[in-house]
Amino acid sequence: MIWRNAINFYDQATVEEAKKNPVIIHFTRNFYMLSRPWIKKCDHPFTDRYLEFKKLTPWTELEEDNRTNWQKIKYKLWHLFPQKFLVVMANIAYNNIRPKLYWRNE
């Protein structure tokens, strides 16, 4: 919500319930976590649930972490800062800096 300046369509209780009991989980890339549960050492909060269901499939092996050393270093550097600070910084970059860069390139 902070990152994208999203309009809050739901009350806080509904949002919290959805976070605790999601119906669909889209494991998308995130600048603050390793959010691909099929990769070893993933830190997504629903990794264990994903792995429970994965055991029911023929594809039980996990992939190795194939990030480059530079990507691993960036990940560790990000984690030197509190997540709240990074979300605010992402908000500024996404909503203020990025649009100006695109506009200038048109």
C-alpha atoms as a PDB file:
ATOM      1  CA  MET A   1       0.000   0.000   0.000  1.00  0.00           C
ATOM      2  CA  ILE A   2       2.789   2.417   0.902  1.00  0.00           C
ATOM      3  CA  TRP A   3       4.972   1.422  -2.049  1.00  0.00           C
ATOM      4  CA  ARG A   4       2.396   2.033  -4.769  1.00  0.00           C
ATOM      5  CA  ASN A   5       0.203   4.690  -3.126  1.00  0.00           C
ATOM      6  CA  ALA A   6      -2.686   2.275  -3.520  1.00  0.00           C
ATOM      7  CA  ILE A   7      -6.219   3.286  -2.679  1.00  0.00           C
ATOM      8  CA  ASN A   8      -7.487   1.214   0.231  1.00  0.00           C
ATOM      9  CA  PHE A   9     -10.642  -0.515  -1.003  1.00  0.00           C
ATOM     10  CA  TYR A  10     -10.906  -2.845   2.007  1.00  0.00           C
ATOM     11  CA  ASP A  11     -11.018  -2.257   5.743  1.00  0.00           C
ATOM     12  CA  GLN A  12      -7.922  -3.237   7.742  1.00  0.00           C
ATOM     13  CA  ALA A  13      -9.551  -6.368   9.246  1.00  0.00           C
ATOM     14  CA  THR A  14     -10.290  -7.727   5.754  1.00  0.00           C
ATOM     15  CA  VAL A  15      -6.718  -7.031   4.618  1.00  0.00           C
ATOM     16  CA  GLU A  16      -5.249  -8.787   7.680  1.00  0.00           C
ATOM     17  CA  GLU A  17      -7.517 -11.819   7.184  1.00  0.00           C
ATOM     18  CA  ALA A  18      -6.519 -12.060   3.515  1.00  0.00           C
ATOM     19  CA  LYS A  19      -2.837 -11.916   4.468  1.00  0.00           C
ATOM     20  CA  LYS A  20      -3.271 -14.744   6.994  1.00  0.00           C
ATOM     21  CA  ASN A  21      -5.466 -16.954   4.777  1.00  0.00           C
ATOM     22  CA  PRO A  22      -4.850 -16.151   1.112  1.00  0.00           C
ATOM     23  CA  VAL A  23      -6.816 -17.903  -1.594  1.00  0.00           C
ATOM     24  CA  ILE A  24      -4.213 -17.369  -4.320  1.00  0.00           C
ATOM     25  CA  ILE A  25      -0.527 -16.742  -3.678  1.00  0.00           C
ATOM     26  CA  HIS A  26       1.439 -15.206  -6.528  1.00  0.00           C
ATOM     27  CA  PHE A  27       5.100 -15.774  -5.758  1.00  0.00           C
ATOM     28  CA  THR A  28       6.388 -12.666  -7.441  1.00  0.00           C
ATOM     29  CA  ARG A  29       9.857 -11.202  -7.175  1.00  0.00           C
ATOM     30  CA  ASN A  30      10.295  -8.811  -4.288  1.00  0.00           C
ATOM     31  CA  PHE A  31      13.225  -6.548  -3.525  1.00  0.00           C
ATOM     32  CA  TYR A  32      13.214  -7.611   0.140  1.00  0.00           C
ATOM     33  CA  MET A  33      12.793 -11.375   0.115  1.00  0.00           C
ATOM     34  CA  LEU A  34      13.723 -14.493  -1.795  1.00  0.00           C
ATOM     35  CA  SER A  35      10.171 -15.145  -2.848  1.00  0.00           C
ATOM     36  CA  ARG A  36      10.464 -18.173  -5.068  1.00  0.00           C
ATOM     37  CA  PRO A  37       9.626 -21.155  -2.832  1.00  0.00           C
ATOM     38  CA  TRP A  38      10.947 -23.674  -5.358  1.00  0.00           C
ATOM     39  CA  ILE A  39      14.427 -22.225  -4.750  1.00  0.00           C
ATOM     40  CA  LYS A  40      16.390 -23.478  -1.724  1.00  0.00           C
ATOM     41  CA  LYS A  41      16.495 -21.063   1.239  1.00  0.00           C
ATOM     42  CA  CYS A  42      13.422 -19.106   0.143  1.00  0.00           C
ATOM     43  CA  ASP A  43      12.204 -16.822   2.942  1.00  0.00           C
ATOM     44  CA  HIS A  44       8.620 -16.299   1.751  1.00  0.00           C
ATOM     45  CA  PRO A  45       6.146 -16.741   4.643  1.00  0.00           C
ATOM     46  CA  PHE A  46       4.158 -19.385   2.721  1.00  0.00           C
ATOM     47  CA  THR A  47       7.125 -21.488   1.554  1.00  0.00           C
ATOM     48  CA  ASP A  48       6.240 -24.370   3.880  1.00  0.00           C
ATOM     49  CA  ARG A  49       2.691 -24.488   2.540  1.00  0.00           C
ATOM     50  CA  TYR A  50       3.993 -24.490  -1.037  1.00  0.00           C
ATOM     51  CA  LEU A  51       6.364 -27.356  -0.227  1.00  0.00           C
ATOM     52  CA  GLU A  52       3.517 -29.387   1.299  1.00  0.00           C
ATOM     53  CA  PHE A  53       1.670 -29.286  -2.012  1.00  0.00           C
ATOM     54  CA  LYS A  54       4.826 -29.769  -4.067  1.00  0.00           C
ATOM     55  CA  LYS A  55       5.356 -33.145  -2.344  1.00  0.00           C
ATOM     56  CA  LEU A  56       2.107 -34.283  -3.984  1.00  0.00           C
ATOM     57  CA  THR A  57       3.560 -33.711  -7.472  1.00  0.00           C
ATOM     58  CA  PRO A  58       6.212 -35.561  -9.499  1.00  0.00           C
ATOM     59  CA  TRP A  59       8.476 -32.470  -9.183  1.00  0.00           C
ATOM     60  CA  THR A  60       9.772 -32.820  -5.631  1.00  0.00           C
ATOM     61  CA  GLU A  61      13.316 -31.500  -6.077  1.00  0.00           C
ATOM     62  CA  LEU A  62      14.156 -27.881  -5.285  1.00  0.00           C
ATOM     63  CA  GLU A  63      16.241 -25.756  -7.617  1.00  0.00           C
ATOM     64  CA  GLU A  64      19.541 -24.337  -6.488  1.00  0.00           C
ATOM     65  CA  ASP A  65      19.804 -20.632  -5.844  1.00  0.00           C
ATOM     66  CA  ASN A  66      21.014 -19.477  -9.270  1.00  0.00           C
ATOM     67  CA  ARG A  67      21.429 -15.792  -8.486  1.00  0.00           C
ATOM     68  CA  THR A  68      24.733 -14.223  -9.458  1.00  0.00           C
ATOM     69  CA  ASN A  69      27.157 -13.182  -6.728  1.00  0.00           C
ATOM     70  CA  TRP A  70      26.231  -9.544  -7.412  1.00  0.00           C
ATOM     71  CA  GLN A  71      22.524 -10.343  -6.894  1.00  0.00           C
ATOM     72  CA  LYS A  72      23.333 -12.087  -3.605  1.00  0.00           C
ATOM     73  CA  ILE A  73      25.403  -9.108  -2.438  1.00  0.00           C
ATOM     74  CA  LYS A  74      22.578  -6.667  -3.334  1.00  0.00           C
ATOM     75  CA  TYR A  75      20.135  -8.848  -1.390  1.00  0.00           C
ATOM     76  CA  LYS A  76      22.396  -8.764   1.687  1.00  0.00           C
ATOM     77  CA  LEU A  77      22.876  -4.992   1.368  1.00  0.00           C
ATOM     78  CA  TRP A  78      19.095  -4.432   1.198  1.00  0.00           C
ATOM     79  CA  HIS A  79      18.747  -6.334   4.468  1.00  0.00           C
ATOM     80  CA  LEU A  80      21.011  -3.914   6.303  1.00  0.00           C
ATOM     81  CA  PHE A  81      18.037  -1.508   6.268  1.00  0.00           C
ATOM     82  CA  PRO A  82      14.660  -1.954   7.981  1.00  0.00           C
ATOM     83  CA  GLN A  83      11.956  -3.101   5.571  1.00  0.00           C
ATOM     84  CA  LYS A  84       9.753  -0.084   6.372  1.00  0.00           C
ATOM     85  CA  PHE A  85      12.559   2.285   5.284  1.00  0.00           C
ATOM     86  CA  LEU A  86      13.029   0.398   2.008  1.00  0.00           C
ATOM     87  CA  VAL A  87       9.307   0.488   1.255  1.00  0.00           C
ATOM     88  CA  VAL A  88       9.273   4.262   1.700  1.00  0.00           C
ATOM     89  CA  MET A  89      12.339   4.580  -0.545  1.00  0.00           C
ATOM     90  CA  ALA A  90      10.698   2.326  -3.160  1.00  0.00           C
ATOM     91  CA  ASN A  91       7.597   4.528  -2.970  1.00  0.00           C
ATOM     92  CA  ILE A  92       9.652   7.638  -3.717  1.00  0.00           C
ATOM     93  CA  ALA A  93      11.522   5.949  -6.567  1.00  0.00           C
ATOM     94  CA  TYR A  94       8.437   4.331  -8.092  1.00  0.00           C
ATOM     95  CA  ASN A  95       6.042   7.244  -7.794  1.00  0.00           C
ATOM     96  CA  ASN A  96       8.320  10.286  -8.173  1.00  0.00           C
ATOM     97  CA  ILE A  97      11.651   9.470  -9.809  1.00  0.00           C
ATOM     98  CA  ARG A  98      10.703   6.710 -12.260  1.00  0.00           C
ATOM     99  CA  PRO A  99       7.860   8.629 -13.980  1.00  0.00           C
ATOM    100  CA  LYS A 100      10.177  11.597 -14.592  1.00  0.00           C
ATOM    101  CA  LEU A 101      12.821   9.363 -16.150  1.00  0.00           C
ATOM    102  CA  TYR A 102      10.255   7.829 -18.505  1.00  0.00           C
ATOM    103  CA  TRP A 103       8.816  11.219 -19.405  1.00  0.00           C
ATOM    104  CA  ARG A 104      12.282  12.578 -20.227  1.00  0.00           C
ATOM    105  CA  ASN A 105      12.973   9.625 -22.569  1.00  0.00           C
ATOM    106  CA  GLU A 106       9.824  10.114 -24.646  1.00  0.00           C
END
